[in-house]
């Protein structure tokens, strides 16, 4: 995660190289990146933001689910004054 001073992260579990966590992004951004060893699933629990999907920024809100395949570049950012809370597997 980028901007760690503005991001809180709760690690729920870890199996091998996979981490399950809840992250709160307060005026923060997870910069574009990809995963070489696993897919990632993100579910928005609270707040408003955007996710970089297939090279385009897409608005996300509570209830938004995104599956990101291995080796696919993606990013997440908070676009609101309130925190953006996501569950990542």
C-alpha atoms as a PDB file:
ATOM      1  CA  UNK A   1       0.000   0.000   0.000  1.00  0.00           C
ATOM      2  CA  UNK A   2       1.178   3.525  -0.727  1.00  0.00           C
ATOM      3  CA  UNK A   3       0.828   6.565   1.543  1.00  0.00           C
ATOM      4  CA  UNK A   4       0.959   4.375   4.638  1.00  0.00           C
ATOM      5  CA  UNK A   5       0.480   7.344   6.972  1.00  0.00           C
ATOM      6  CA  UNK A   6      -2.976   7.768   5.423  1.00  0.00           C
ATOM      7  CA  UNK A   7      -3.777   4.050   5.148  1.00  0.00           C
ATOM      8  CA  UNK A   8      -4.701   1.582   7.858  1.00  0.00           C
ATOM      9  CA  UNK A   9      -4.553  -2.115   7.142  1.00  0.00           C
ATOM     10  CA  UNK A  10      -5.882  -5.060   9.137  1.00  0.00           C
ATOM     11  CA  UNK A  11      -4.400  -8.400   8.124  1.00  0.00           C
ATOM     12  CA  UNK A  12      -7.122 -11.020   8.578  1.00  0.00           C
ATOM     13  CA  UNK A  13      -5.162 -14.043   7.428  1.00  0.00           C
ATOM     14  CA  UNK A  14      -2.291 -15.268   5.335  1.00  0.00           C
ATOM     15  CA  UNK A  15      -1.872 -18.564   3.508  1.00  0.00           C
ATOM     16  CA  UNK A  16       1.448 -19.100   1.719  1.00  0.00           C
ATOM     17  CA  UNK A  17       1.891 -15.901  -0.298  1.00  0.00           C
ATOM     18  CA  UNK A  18      -1.763 -14.770  -0.148  1.00  0.00           C
ATOM     19  CA  UNK A  19      -2.942 -12.090   2.274  1.00  0.00           C
ATOM     20  CA  UNK A  20      -6.530 -11.380   3.267  1.00  0.00           C
ATOM     21  CA  UNK A  21      -6.972  -7.868   4.595  1.00  0.00           C
ATOM     22  CA  UNK A  22      -9.241  -4.926   5.173  1.00  0.00           C
ATOM     23  CA  UNK A  23      -7.729  -1.579   4.226  1.00  0.00           C
ATOM     24  CA  UNK A  24      -8.927   1.945   5.006  1.00  0.00           C
ATOM     25  CA  UNK A  25      -7.698   4.533   2.519  1.00  0.00           C
ATOM     26  CA  UNK A  26      -8.005   8.078   3.825  1.00  0.00           C
ATOM     27  CA  UNK A  27      -6.981  10.484   1.056  1.00  0.00           C
ATOM     28  CA  UNK A  28      -4.675   7.722  -0.129  1.00  0.00           C
ATOM     29  CA  UNK A  29      -3.976   5.696  -3.226  1.00  0.00           C
ATOM     30  CA  UNK A  30      -2.649   2.248  -4.010  1.00  0.00           C
ATOM     31  CA  UNK A  31      -0.423   2.972  -7.004  1.00  0.00           C
ATOM     32  CA  UNK A  32      -0.682   0.876 -10.207  1.00  0.00           C
ATOM     33  CA  UNK A  33       0.815  -2.570  -9.664  1.00  0.00           C
ATOM     34  CA  UNK A  34       0.260  -6.239 -10.510  1.00  0.00           C
ATOM     35  CA  UNK A  35       0.668  -9.610  -8.806  1.00  0.00           C
ATOM     36  CA  UNK A  36       2.886 -12.270 -10.378  1.00  0.00           C
ATOM     37  CA  UNK A  37       1.682 -15.181  -8.241  1.00  0.00           C
ATOM     38  CA  UNK A  38      -2.042 -14.719  -7.585  1.00  0.00           C
ATOM     39  CA  UNK A  39      -5.364 -13.169  -8.568  1.00  0.00           C
ATOM     40  CA  UNK A  40      -6.885 -10.495  -6.338  1.00  0.00           C
ATOM     41  CA  UNK A  41     -10.514  -9.885  -5.398  1.00  0.00           C
ATOM     42  CA  UNK A  42     -11.586  -6.546  -3.940  1.00  0.00           C
ATOM     43  CA  UNK A  43     -14.936  -5.720  -2.340  1.00  0.00           C
ATOM     44  CA  UNK A  44     -15.791  -2.137  -1.359  1.00  0.00           C
ATOM     45  CA  UNK A  45     -17.264  -1.970   2.151  1.00  0.00           C
ATOM     46  CA  UNK A  46     -17.514   1.797   2.666  1.00  0.00           C
ATOM     47  CA  UNK A  47     -16.813   5.068   0.889  1.00  0.00           C
ATOM     48  CA  UNK A  48     -16.316   6.225  -2.669  1.00  0.00           C
ATOM     49  CA  UNK A  49     -13.310   5.776  -4.885  1.00  0.00           C
ATOM     50  CA  UNK A  50     -11.972   4.670  -8.209  1.00  0.00           C
ATOM     51  CA  UNK A  51     -10.195   1.578  -9.449  1.00  0.00           C
ATOM     52  CA  UNK A  52      -7.900   1.376 -12.444  1.00  0.00           C
ATOM     53  CA  UNK A  53      -9.332  -1.471 -14.539  1.00  0.00           C
ATOM     54  CA  UNK A  54      -8.165  -2.215 -18.099  1.00  0.00           C
ATOM     55  CA  UNK A  55      -6.411   1.160 -18.252  1.00  0.00           C
ATOM     56  CA  UNK A  56      -9.486   3.199 -17.219  1.00  0.00           C
ATOM     57  CA  UNK A  57     -10.495   4.681 -13.860  1.00  0.00           C
ATOM     58  CA  UNK A  58     -13.899   3.260 -12.830  1.00  0.00           C
ATOM     59  CA  UNK A  59     -16.019   4.665  -9.980  1.00  0.00           C
ATOM     60  CA  UNK A  60     -16.578   2.289  -7.048  1.00  0.00           C
ATOM     61  CA  UNK A  61     -18.928   2.415  -4.045  1.00  0.00           C
ATOM     62  CA  UNK A  62     -20.109   0.052  -1.305  1.00  0.00           C
ATOM     63  CA  UNK A  63     -21.067  -3.272  -2.831  1.00  0.00           C
ATOM     64  CA  UNK A  64     -18.676  -2.997  -5.783  1.00  0.00           C
ATOM     65  CA  UNK A  65     -16.764  -6.240  -6.399  1.00  0.00           C
ATOM     66  CA  UNK A  66     -13.756  -6.524  -8.686  1.00  0.00           C
ATOM     67  CA  UNK A  67     -11.795  -9.611  -9.709  1.00  0.00           C
ATOM     68  CA  UNK A  68      -8.309  -8.777 -10.934  1.00  0.00           C
ATOM     69  CA  UNK A  69      -6.439 -11.570 -12.734  1.00  0.00           C
ATOM     70  CA  UNK A  70      -2.792 -12.316 -12.065  1.00  0.00           C
ATOM     71  CA  UNK A  71      -0.352 -10.078 -14.024  1.00  0.00           C
ATOM     72  CA  UNK A  72      -3.045  -7.439 -14.752  1.00  0.00           C
ATOM     73  CA  UNK A  73      -2.171  -3.865 -13.702  1.00  0.00           C
ATOM     74  CA  UNK A  74      -4.645  -2.290 -11.276  1.00  0.00           C
ATOM     75  CA  UNK A  75      -4.857   0.506  -8.687  1.00  0.00           C
ATOM     76  CA  UNK A  76      -7.308   1.935  -6.146  1.00  0.00           C
ATOM     77  CA  UNK A  77      -7.791   5.468  -4.867  1.00  0.00           C
ATOM     78  CA  UNK A  78     -10.091   7.323  -2.516  1.00  0.00           C
ATOM     79  CA  UNK A  79     -12.000  10.150  -4.229  1.00  0.00           C
ATOM     80  CA  UNK A  80     -14.049  11.348  -1.255  1.00  0.00           C
ATOM     81  CA  UNK A  81     -13.448  13.129   2.059  1.00  0.00           C
ATOM     82  CA  UNK A  82     -14.579  10.010   3.930  1.00  0.00           C
ATOM     83  CA  UNK A  83     -12.378   6.928   4.119  1.00  0.00           C
ATOM     84  CA  UNK A  84     -12.591   4.197   1.493  1.00  0.00           C
ATOM     85  CA  UNK A  85     -12.725   0.756   3.119  1.00  0.00           C
ATOM     86  CA  UNK A  86     -11.987  -2.315   0.991  1.00  0.00           C
ATOM     87  CA  UNK A  87     -11.738  -6.050   1.661  1.00  0.00           C
ATOM     88  CA  UNK A  88      -8.969  -7.639  -0.384  1.00  0.00           C
ATOM     89  CA  UNK A  89      -8.371 -11.352  -0.945  1.00  0.00           C
END
